[in-house]
């Protein structure tokens, strides 16, 4: 939830790019390279739109810090053509888990009845349960036909309001404060780049992921929120 300063964004960029370059270097120089190399990036490479539906066939576009990060991150993780290691990249959406991330950040406000949509609430929120994100990686590693980009998102597209309603319901709490944080406040709190993630979104379809045969464990936002909240509560009370 911290504000994205220039220094913080540089650390984010360096951690992704430099780590990927090192992995590629190790694989390229290995006497016996691995059979498969799985990497990750994000759906931020797809430009926010209220109407566009993005599949894996859509290339990442360069329009802001995060989209440029996705492009450079994927480029840094790309193996040379002479390396025969099979490769795939998962473009992840917002991960719902019980031990961190969005659920951990939002839990307190929702617990005390202060949850609700942010901004207009109509912006898309590409999401995935952590078990499905791990499941896609496992599926890709053991399935020889998997290669290229896989969208690591749920097949159920939801808006910020739909997610907020599902999260509130999973906690048996009302979403009493819809839209109480306006766009200007969010930009001041988190910085313009961080605010874009909150206020804008993309409708992303996991078309190729589904076509490879992956079966989602949590394709429904209500069930995903219930599972994440239940796991968070267990860890919180442990």
C-alpha atoms as a PDB file:
ATOM      1  CA  UNK A   1       0.000   0.000   0.000  1.00  0.00           C
ATOM      2  CA  UNK A   2       3.034   2.295  -0.028  1.00  0.00           C
ATOM      3  CA  UNK A   3       3.408   5.265  -2.341  1.00  0.00           C
ATOM      4  CA  UNK A   4       5.373   4.486  -5.485  1.00  0.00           C
ATOM      5  CA  UNK A   5       8.324   6.860  -5.506  1.00  0.00           C
ATOM      6  CA  UNK A   6      10.887   6.971  -8.304  1.00  0.00           C
ATOM      7  CA  UNK A   7      13.345   5.116  -6.073  1.00  0.00           C
ATOM      8  CA  UNK A   8      10.841   2.384  -5.282  1.00  0.00           C
ATOM      9  CA  UNK A   9       9.900   1.925  -8.948  1.00  0.00           C
ATOM     10  CA  UNK A  10      13.565   1.588  -9.887  1.00  0.00           C
ATOM     11  CA  UNK A  11      13.970  -1.154  -7.269  1.00  0.00           C
ATOM     12  CA  UNK A  12      10.913  -2.931  -8.672  1.00  0.00           C
ATOM     13  CA  UNK A  13      12.282  -2.702 -12.201  1.00  0.00           C
ATOM     14  CA  UNK A  14      15.802  -3.818 -11.263  1.00  0.00           C
ATOM     15  CA  UNK A  15      14.599  -6.812  -9.256  1.00  0.00           C
ATOM     16  CA  UNK A  16      12.593  -8.141 -12.219  1.00  0.00           C
ATOM     17  CA  UNK A  17      14.962  -7.349 -15.069  1.00  0.00           C
ATOM     18  CA  UNK A  18      18.295  -8.264 -13.501  1.00  0.00           C
ATOM     19  CA  UNK A  19      17.027 -11.502 -11.964  1.00  0.00           C
ATOM     20  CA  UNK A  20      15.585 -12.600 -15.307  1.00  0.00           C
ATOM     21  CA  UNK A  21      18.836 -11.805 -17.125  1.00  0.00           C
ATOM     22  CA  UNK A  22      20.803 -13.912 -14.623  1.00  0.00           C
ATOM     23  CA  UNK A  23      18.476 -16.883 -15.068  1.00  0.00           C
ATOM     24  CA  UNK A  24      18.754 -16.658 -18.845  1.00  0.00           C
ATOM     25  CA  UNK A  25      22.544 -16.471 -18.547  1.00  0.00           C
ATOM     26  CA  UNK A  26      22.688 -19.561 -16.333  1.00  0.00           C
ATOM     27  CA  UNK A  27      20.464 -21.551 -18.699  1.00  0.00           C
ATOM     28  CA  UNK A  28      22.355 -20.405 -21.799  1.00  0.00           C
ATOM     29  CA  UNK A  29      25.709 -21.428 -20.315  1.00  0.00           C
ATOM     30  CA  UNK A  30      24.529 -24.696 -18.779  1.00  0.00           C
ATOM     31  CA  UNK A  31      26.064 -27.904 -20.171  1.00  0.00           C
ATOM     32  CA  UNK A  32      22.718 -29.557 -19.652  1.00  0.00           C
ATOM     33  CA  UNK A  33      20.023 -26.864 -19.842  1.00  0.00           C
ATOM     34  CA  UNK A  34      16.632 -27.513 -18.236  1.00  0.00           C
ATOM     35  CA  UNK A  35      13.808 -28.952 -20.318  1.00  0.00           C
ATOM     36  CA  UNK A  36      11.499 -26.052 -19.499  1.00  0.00           C
ATOM     37  CA  UNK A  37      11.845 -22.477 -18.282  1.00  0.00           C
ATOM     38  CA  UNK A  38       8.769 -20.786 -16.806  1.00  0.00           C
ATOM     39  CA  UNK A  39       8.742 -17.054 -16.160  1.00  0.00           C
ATOM     40  CA  UNK A  40       6.186 -14.515 -15.008  1.00  0.00           C
ATOM     41  CA  UNK A  41       5.154 -10.977 -15.913  1.00  0.00           C
ATOM     42  CA  UNK A  42       1.835  -9.136 -15.646  1.00  0.00           C
ATOM     43  CA  UNK A  43      -1.340  -8.126 -17.432  1.00  0.00           C
ATOM     44  CA  UNK A  44      -0.261  -4.482 -17.066  1.00  0.00           C
ATOM     45  CA  UNK A  45       1.073  -4.777 -20.600  1.00  0.00           C
ATOM     46  CA  UNK A  46      -2.527  -4.632 -21.830  1.00  0.00           C
ATOM     47  CA  UNK A  47      -3.797  -1.053 -22.033  1.00  0.00           C
ATOM     48  CA  UNK A  48      -6.753  -0.325 -19.712  1.00  0.00           C
ATOM     49  CA  UNK A  49     -10.031  -0.197 -21.612  1.00  0.00           C
ATOM     50  CA  UNK A  50     -13.718  -0.443 -20.687  1.00  0.00           C
ATOM     51  CA  UNK A  51     -14.537  -2.443 -23.845  1.00  0.00           C
ATOM     52  CA  UNK A  52     -11.435  -4.286 -25.136  1.00  0.00           C
ATOM     53  CA  UNK A  53     -11.023  -7.988 -24.298  1.00  0.00           C
ATOM     54  CA  UNK A  54      -7.391  -9.104 -24.353  1.00  0.00           C
ATOM     55  CA  UNK A  55      -6.177 -12.638 -25.071  1.00  0.00           C
ATOM     56  CA  UNK A  56      -2.667 -14.049 -25.254  1.00  0.00           C
ATOM     57  CA  UNK A  57      -2.550 -13.058 -28.927  1.00  0.00           C
ATOM     58  CA  UNK A  58      -2.463  -9.390 -27.944  1.00  0.00           C
ATOM     59  CA  UNK A  59       1.102  -8.118 -27.536  1.00  0.00           C
ATOM     60  CA  UNK A  60       2.122  -5.956 -24.594  1.00  0.00           C
ATOM     61  CA  UNK A  61       1.996  -2.224 -25.346  1.00  0.00           C
ATOM     62  CA  UNK A  62       4.336   0.494 -24.097  1.00  0.00           C
ATOM     63  CA  UNK A  63       2.231   3.274 -22.578  1.00  0.00           C
ATOM     64  CA  UNK A  64       3.359   3.735 -18.945  1.00  0.00           C
ATOM     65  CA  UNK A  65       5.843   2.501 -16.330  1.00  0.00           C
ATOM     66  CA  UNK A  66       4.218  -0.872 -15.703  1.00  0.00           C
ATOM     67  CA  UNK A  67       3.599  -1.682 -19.363  1.00  0.00           C
ATOM     68  CA  UNK A  68       7.232  -0.852 -20.175  1.00  0.00           C
ATOM     69  CA  UNK A  69       8.266  -3.037 -17.245  1.00  0.00           C
ATOM     70  CA  UNK A  70       6.280  -5.958 -18.670  1.00  0.00           C
ATOM     71  CA  UNK A  71       7.876  -5.551 -22.105  1.00  0.00           C
ATOM     72  CA  UNK A  72      11.416  -5.294 -20.741  1.00  0.00           C
ATOM     73  CA  UNK A  73      10.827  -8.060 -18.182  1.00  0.00           C
ATOM     74  CA  UNK A  74       9.646 -10.503 -20.848  1.00  0.00           C
ATOM     75  CA  UNK A  75      12.517  -9.485 -23.140  1.00  0.00           C
ATOM     76  CA  UNK A  76      15.036 -10.047 -20.343  1.00  0.00           C
ATOM     77  CA  UNK A  77      13.592 -13.516 -19.695  1.00  0.00           C
ATOM     78  CA  UNK A  78      13.595 -14.583 -23.348  1.00  0.00           C
ATOM     79  CA  UNK A  79      16.019 -17.388 -24.168  1.00  0.00           C
ATOM     80  CA  UNK A  80      18.188 -17.247 -27.303  1.00  0.00           C
ATOM     81  CA  UNK A  81      16.827 -19.274 -30.234  1.00  0.00           C
ATOM     82  CA  UNK A  82      19.755 -21.682 -30.119  1.00  0.00           C
ATOM     83  CA  UNK A  83      18.737 -22.829 -26.616  1.00  0.00           C
ATOM     84  CA  UNK A  84      16.328 -25.741 -26.952  1.00  0.00           C
ATOM     85  CA  UNK A  85      14.685 -25.273 -23.567  1.00  0.00           C
ATOM     86  CA  UNK A  86      10.905 -24.992 -23.877  1.00  0.00           C
ATOM     87  CA  UNK A  87       9.675 -21.673 -22.476  1.00  0.00           C
ATOM     88  CA  UNK A  88       6.413 -20.124 -21.374  1.00  0.00           C
ATOM     89  CA  UNK A  89       5.484 -16.903 -19.573  1.00  0.00           C
ATOM     90  CA  UNK A  90       2.487 -16.331 -17.315  1.00  0.00           C
ATOM     91  CA  UNK A  91       1.033 -12.826 -17.386  1.00  0.00           C
ATOM     92  CA  UNK A  92      -0.502 -12.656 -13.944  1.00  0.00           C
ATOM     93  CA  UNK A  93      -3.477 -10.643 -12.786  1.00  0.00           C
ATOM     94  CA  UNK A  94      -4.126  -9.534  -9.191  1.00  0.00           C
ATOM     95  CA  UNK A  95      -3.457 -12.543  -6.973  1.00  0.00           C
ATOM     96  CA  UNK A  96      -5.986 -13.410  -4.261  1.00  0.00           C
ATOM     97  CA  UNK A  97      -4.329 -15.231  -1.381  1.00  0.00           C
ATOM     98  CA  UNK A  98      -4.691 -15.614   2.347  1.00  0.00           C
ATOM     99  CA  UNK A  99      -1.149 -14.683   3.297  1.00  0.00           C
ATOM    100  CA  UNK A 100      -0.566 -11.336   1.653  1.00  0.00           C
ATOM    101  CA  UNK A 101      -1.425  -9.153  -1.288  1.00  0.00           C
ATOM    102  CA  UNK A 102      -4.778  -7.500  -1.850  1.00  0.00           C
ATOM    103  CA  UNK A 103      -6.765  -9.549   0.682  1.00  0.00           C
ATOM    104  CA  UNK A 104      -4.335  -8.695   3.491  1.00  0.00           C
ATOM    105  CA  UNK A 105      -4.437  -5.006   2.542  1.00  0.00           C
ATOM    106  CA  UNK A 106      -8.230  -4.796   2.349  1.00  0.00           C
ATOM    107  CA  UNK A 107      -9.192  -7.113   5.215  1.00  0.00           C
ATOM    108  CA  UNK A 108      -9.121  -4.529   8.049  1.00  0.00           C
ATOM    109  CA  UNK A 109     -11.304  -1.951   6.308  1.00  0.00           C
ATOM    110  CA  UNK A 110     -13.837  -4.575   5.216  1.00  0.00           C
ATOM    111  CA  UNK A 111     -13.841  -6.194   8.656  1.00  0.00           C
ATOM    112  CA  UNK A 112     -14.949  -2.901  10.210  1.00  0.00           C
ATOM    113  CA  UNK A 113     -17.557  -2.249   7.522  1.00  0.00           C
ATOM    114  CA  UNK A 114     -15.514   0.280   5.579  1.00  0.00           C
ATOM    115  CA  UNK A 115     -15.094  -1.698   2.385  1.00  0.00           C
ATOM    116  CA  UNK A 116     -16.554  -0.923  -1.007  1.00  0.00           C
ATOM    117  CA  UNK A 117     -15.794  -0.074  -4.595  1.00  0.00           C
ATOM    118  CA  UNK A 118     -12.949   2.292  -5.381  1.00  0.00           C
ATOM    119  CA  UNK A 119     -13.510   5.165  -7.756  1.00  0.00           C
ATOM    120  CA  UNK A 120     -16.320   4.436 -10.224  1.00  0.00           C
ATOM    121  CA  UNK A 121     -16.159   0.704  -9.548  1.00  0.00           C
ATOM    122  CA  UNK A 122     -16.704  -0.003 -13.229  1.00  0.00           C
ATOM    123  CA  UNK A 123     -13.006  -0.587 -13.971  1.00  0.00           C
ATOM    124  CA  UNK A 124     -12.052  -4.181 -14.724  1.00  0.00           C
ATOM    125  CA  UNK A 125     -10.102  -6.167 -12.143  1.00  0.00           C
ATOM    126  CA  UNK A 126      -8.206  -9.081 -13.742  1.00  0.00           C
ATOM    127  CA  UNK A 127      -7.727 -11.548 -10.877  1.00  0.00           C
ATOM    128  CA  UNK A 128      -6.631 -15.083 -10.050  1.00  0.00           C
ATOM    129  CA  UNK A 129      -6.577 -17.215  -6.912  1.00  0.00           C
ATOM    130  CA  UNK A 130      -3.046 -18.087  -5.811  1.00  0.00           C
ATOM    131  CA  UNK A 131      -3.716 -21.823  -6.121  1.00  0.00           C
ATOM    132  CA  UNK A 132      -4.660 -21.360  -9.764  1.00  0.00           C
ATOM    133  CA  UNK A 133      -1.582 -19.249 -10.445  1.00  0.00           C
ATOM    134  CA  UNK A 134       0.557 -22.045  -9.024  1.00  0.00           C
ATOM    135  CA  UNK A 135      -1.603 -24.554 -10.889  1.00  0.00           C
ATOM    136  CA  UNK A 136      -0.979 -22.881 -14.243  1.00  0.00           C
ATOM    137  CA  UNK A 137       2.774 -23.033 -13.668  1.00  0.00           C
ATOM    138  CA  UNK A 138       2.576 -26.705 -12.705  1.00  0.00           C
ATOM    139  CA  UNK A 139       0.362 -27.465 -15.703  1.00  0.00           C
ATOM    140  CA  UNK A 140       2.753 -25.640 -18.032  1.00  0.00           C
ATOM    141  CA  UNK A 141       5.802 -27.422 -16.671  1.00  0.00           C
ATOM    142  CA  UNK A 142       4.360 -30.943 -17.067  1.00  0.00           C
ATOM    143  CA  UNK A 143       2.604 -30.324 -20.406  1.00  0.00           C
ATOM    144  CA  UNK A 144       5.064 -30.483 -23.270  1.00  0.00           C
ATOM    145  CA  UNK A 145       2.805 -28.617 -25.693  1.00  0.00           C
ATOM    146  CA  UNK A 146       2.651 -25.460 -23.556  1.00  0.00           C
ATOM    147  CA  UNK A 147       4.777 -22.555 -24.752  1.00  0.00           C
ATOM    148  CA  UNK A 148       4.592 -18.803 -25.234  1.00  0.00           C
ATOM    149  CA  UNK A 149       2.311 -16.514 -23.241  1.00  0.00           C
ATOM    150  CA  UNK A 150      -0.407 -17.725 -20.881  1.00  0.00           C
ATOM    151  CA  UNK A 151      -2.744 -15.240 -19.248  1.00  0.00           C
ATOM    152  CA  UNK A 152      -2.738 -15.986 -15.525  1.00  0.00           C
ATOM    153  CA  UNK A 153      -6.234 -14.714 -14.805  1.00  0.00           C
ATOM    154  CA  UNK A 154      -9.578 -16.269 -13.961  1.00  0.00           C
ATOM    155  CA  UNK A 155     -11.975 -16.931 -16.858  1.00  0.00           C
ATOM    156  CA  UNK A 156     -14.572 -14.859 -14.943  1.00  0.00           C
ATOM    157  CA  UNK A 157     -14.048 -11.173 -15.698  1.00  0.00           C
ATOM    158  CA  UNK A 158     -15.244  -8.876 -12.902  1.00  0.00           C
ATOM    159  CA  UNK A 159     -15.310  -5.156 -12.196  1.00  0.00           C
ATOM    160  CA  UNK A 160     -13.912  -3.530  -9.093  1.00  0.00           C
ATOM    161  CA  UNK A 161     -17.452  -3.240  -7.673  1.00  0.00           C
ATOM    162  CA  UNK A 162     -18.200  -6.913  -8.326  1.00  0.00           C
ATOM    163  CA  UNK A 163     -15.001  -7.898  -6.565  1.00  0.00           C
ATOM    164  CA  UNK A 164     -15.758  -5.567  -3.650  1.00  0.00           C
ATOM    165  CA  UNK A 165     -19.239  -7.025  -3.252  1.00  0.00           C
ATOM    166  CA  UNK A 166     -17.885 -10.588  -3.342  1.00  0.00           C
ATOM    167  CA  UNK A 167     -15.179  -9.815  -0.781  1.00  0.00           C
ATOM    168  CA  UNK A 168     -17.650  -8.118   1.577  1.00  0.00           C
ATOM    169  CA  UNK A 169     -20.057 -11.049   1.297  1.00  0.00           C
ATOM    170  CA  UNK A 170     -17.287 -13.571   1.968  1.00  0.00           C
ATOM    171  CA  UNK A 171     -16.575 -11.740   5.237  1.00  0.00           C
ATOM    172  CA  UNK A 172     -20.270 -11.410   6.128  1.00  0.00           C
ATOM    173  CA  UNK A 173     -19.882  -7.663   6.023  1.00  0.00           C
ATOM    174  CA  UNK A 174     -21.783  -5.024   4.085  1.00  0.00           C
ATOM    175  CA  UNK A 175     -19.925  -2.857   1.597  1.00  0.00           C
ATOM    176  CA  UNK A 176     -20.978   0.320   3.385  1.00  0.00           C
ATOM    177  CA  UNK A 177     -18.547   2.784   1.866  1.00  0.00           C
ATOM    178  CA  UNK A 178     -18.822   2.515  -1.934  1.00  0.00           C
ATOM    179  CA  UNK A 179     -16.620   4.994  -3.725  1.00  0.00           C
ATOM    180  CA  UNK A 180     -15.663   6.834  -0.548  1.00  0.00           C
ATOM    181  CA  UNK A 181     -12.099   7.280  -1.776  1.00  0.00           C
ATOM    182  CA  UNK A 182     -12.090   9.567  -4.804  1.00  0.00           C
ATOM    183  CA  UNK A 183      -9.586   9.428  -7.643  1.00  0.00           C
ATOM    184  CA  UNK A 184      -7.718  12.572  -6.628  1.00  0.00           C
ATOM    185  CA  UNK A 185      -7.142  11.234  -3.106  1.00  0.00           C
ATOM    186  CA  UNK A 186      -5.842   7.910  -4.410  1.00  0.00           C
ATOM    187  CA  UNK A 187      -3.371   9.648  -6.714  1.00  0.00           C
ATOM    188  CA  UNK A 188      -2.055  11.737  -3.827  1.00  0.00           C
ATOM    189  CA  UNK A 189      -1.821   8.716  -1.503  1.00  0.00           C
ATOM    190  CA  UNK A 190      -0.123   6.291  -3.870  1.00  0.00           C
ATOM    191  CA  UNK A 191       1.344   8.320  -6.716  1.00  0.00           C
ATOM    192  CA  UNK A 192       0.083   8.406 -10.293  1.00  0.00           C
ATOM    193  CA  UNK A 193       1.610   5.089 -11.402  1.00  0.00           C
ATOM    194  CA  UNK A 194       0.319   3.118  -8.405  1.00  0.00           C
ATOM    195  CA  UNK A 195      -3.079   4.815  -8.714  1.00  0.00           C
ATOM    196  CA  UNK A 196      -3.480   3.531 -12.276  1.00  0.00           C
ATOM    197  CA  UNK A 197      -3.574  -0.055 -11.013  1.00  0.00           C
ATOM    198  CA  UNK A 198      -6.384   0.841  -8.629  1.00  0.00           C
ATOM    199  CA  UNK A 199      -8.441   3.140 -10.844  1.00  0.00           C
ATOM    200  CA  UNK A 200      -7.990   1.510 -14.251  1.00  0.00           C
ATOM    201  CA  UNK A 201      -8.168  -2.072 -15.417  1.00  0.00           C
ATOM    202  CA  UNK A 202      -8.227  -4.486 -18.319  1.00  0.00           C
ATOM    203  CA  UNK A 203     -10.633  -7.246 -19.303  1.00  0.00           C
ATOM    204  CA  UNK A 204      -8.276 -10.176 -19.835  1.00  0.00           C
ATOM    205  CA  UNK A 205      -9.268 -13.628 -21.089  1.00  0.00           C
ATOM    206  CA  UNK A 206      -7.153 -16.766 -20.428  1.00  0.00           C
ATOM    207  CA  UNK A 207      -8.022 -18.168 -23.834  1.00  0.00           C
ATOM    208  CA  UNK A 208      -4.769 -20.034 -24.488  1.00  0.00           C
ATOM    209  CA  UNK A 209      -4.511 -21.139 -20.866  1.00  0.00           C
ATOM    210  CA  UNK A 210      -7.908 -22.837 -21.181  1.00  0.00           C
ATOM    211  CA  UNK A 211      -7.076 -24.270 -24.613  1.00  0.00           C
ATOM    212  CA  UNK A 212      -3.991 -26.002 -23.170  1.00  0.00           C
ATOM    213  CA  UNK A 213      -6.309 -27.972 -20.897  1.00  0.00           C
ATOM    214  CA  UNK A 214      -5.848 -26.204 -17.593  1.00  0.00           C
ATOM    215  CA  UNK A 215      -8.865 -26.607 -15.288  1.00  0.00           C
ATOM    216  CA  UNK A 216      -9.364 -23.829 -12.762  1.00  0.00           C
ATOM    217  CA  UNK A 217      -9.936 -24.666  -9.119  1.00  0.00           C
ATOM    218  CA  UNK A 218     -11.371 -21.219  -8.359  1.00  0.00           C
ATOM    219  CA  UNK A 219     -13.000 -19.815 -11.521  1.00  0.00           C
ATOM    220  CA  UNK A 220     -15.660 -17.940  -9.517  1.00  0.00           C
ATOM    221  CA  UNK A 221     -14.871 -14.711  -7.659  1.00  0.00           C
ATOM    222  CA  UNK A 222     -17.190 -15.511  -4.750  1.00  0.00           C
ATOM    223  CA  UNK A 223     -15.587 -18.887  -4.057  1.00  0.00           C
ATOM    224  CA  UNK A 224     -12.094 -17.449  -4.536  1.00  0.00           C
ATOM    225  CA  UNK A 225     -12.759 -14.685  -2.002  1.00  0.00           C
ATOM    226  CA  UNK A 226     -14.217 -17.154   0.490  1.00  0.00           C
ATOM    227  CA  UNK A 227     -11.152 -19.387   0.240  1.00  0.00           C
ATOM    228  CA  UNK A 228      -8.678 -16.506   0.492  1.00  0.00           C
ATOM    229  CA  UNK A 229     -10.465 -14.890   3.438  1.00  0.00           C
ATOM    230  CA  UNK A 230     -10.760 -18.220   5.285  1.00  0.00           C
ATOM    231  CA  UNK A 231      -7.042 -18.865   4.830  1.00  0.00           C
ATOM    232  CA  UNK A 232      -6.196 -15.322   5.945  1.00  0.00           C
ATOM    233  CA  UNK A 233      -8.295 -15.732   9.088  1.00  0.00           C
ATOM    234  CA  UNK A 234      -6.526 -18.989   9.953  1.00  0.00           C
ATOM    235  CA  UNK A 235      -3.076 -17.447   9.560  1.00  0.00           C
ATOM    236  CA  UNK A 236      -4.151 -14.295  11.408  1.00  0.00           C
ATOM    237  CA  UNK A 237      -5.356 -16.273  14.424  1.00  0.00           C
ATOM    238  CA  UNK A 238      -2.475 -18.764  14.439  1.00  0.00           C
END
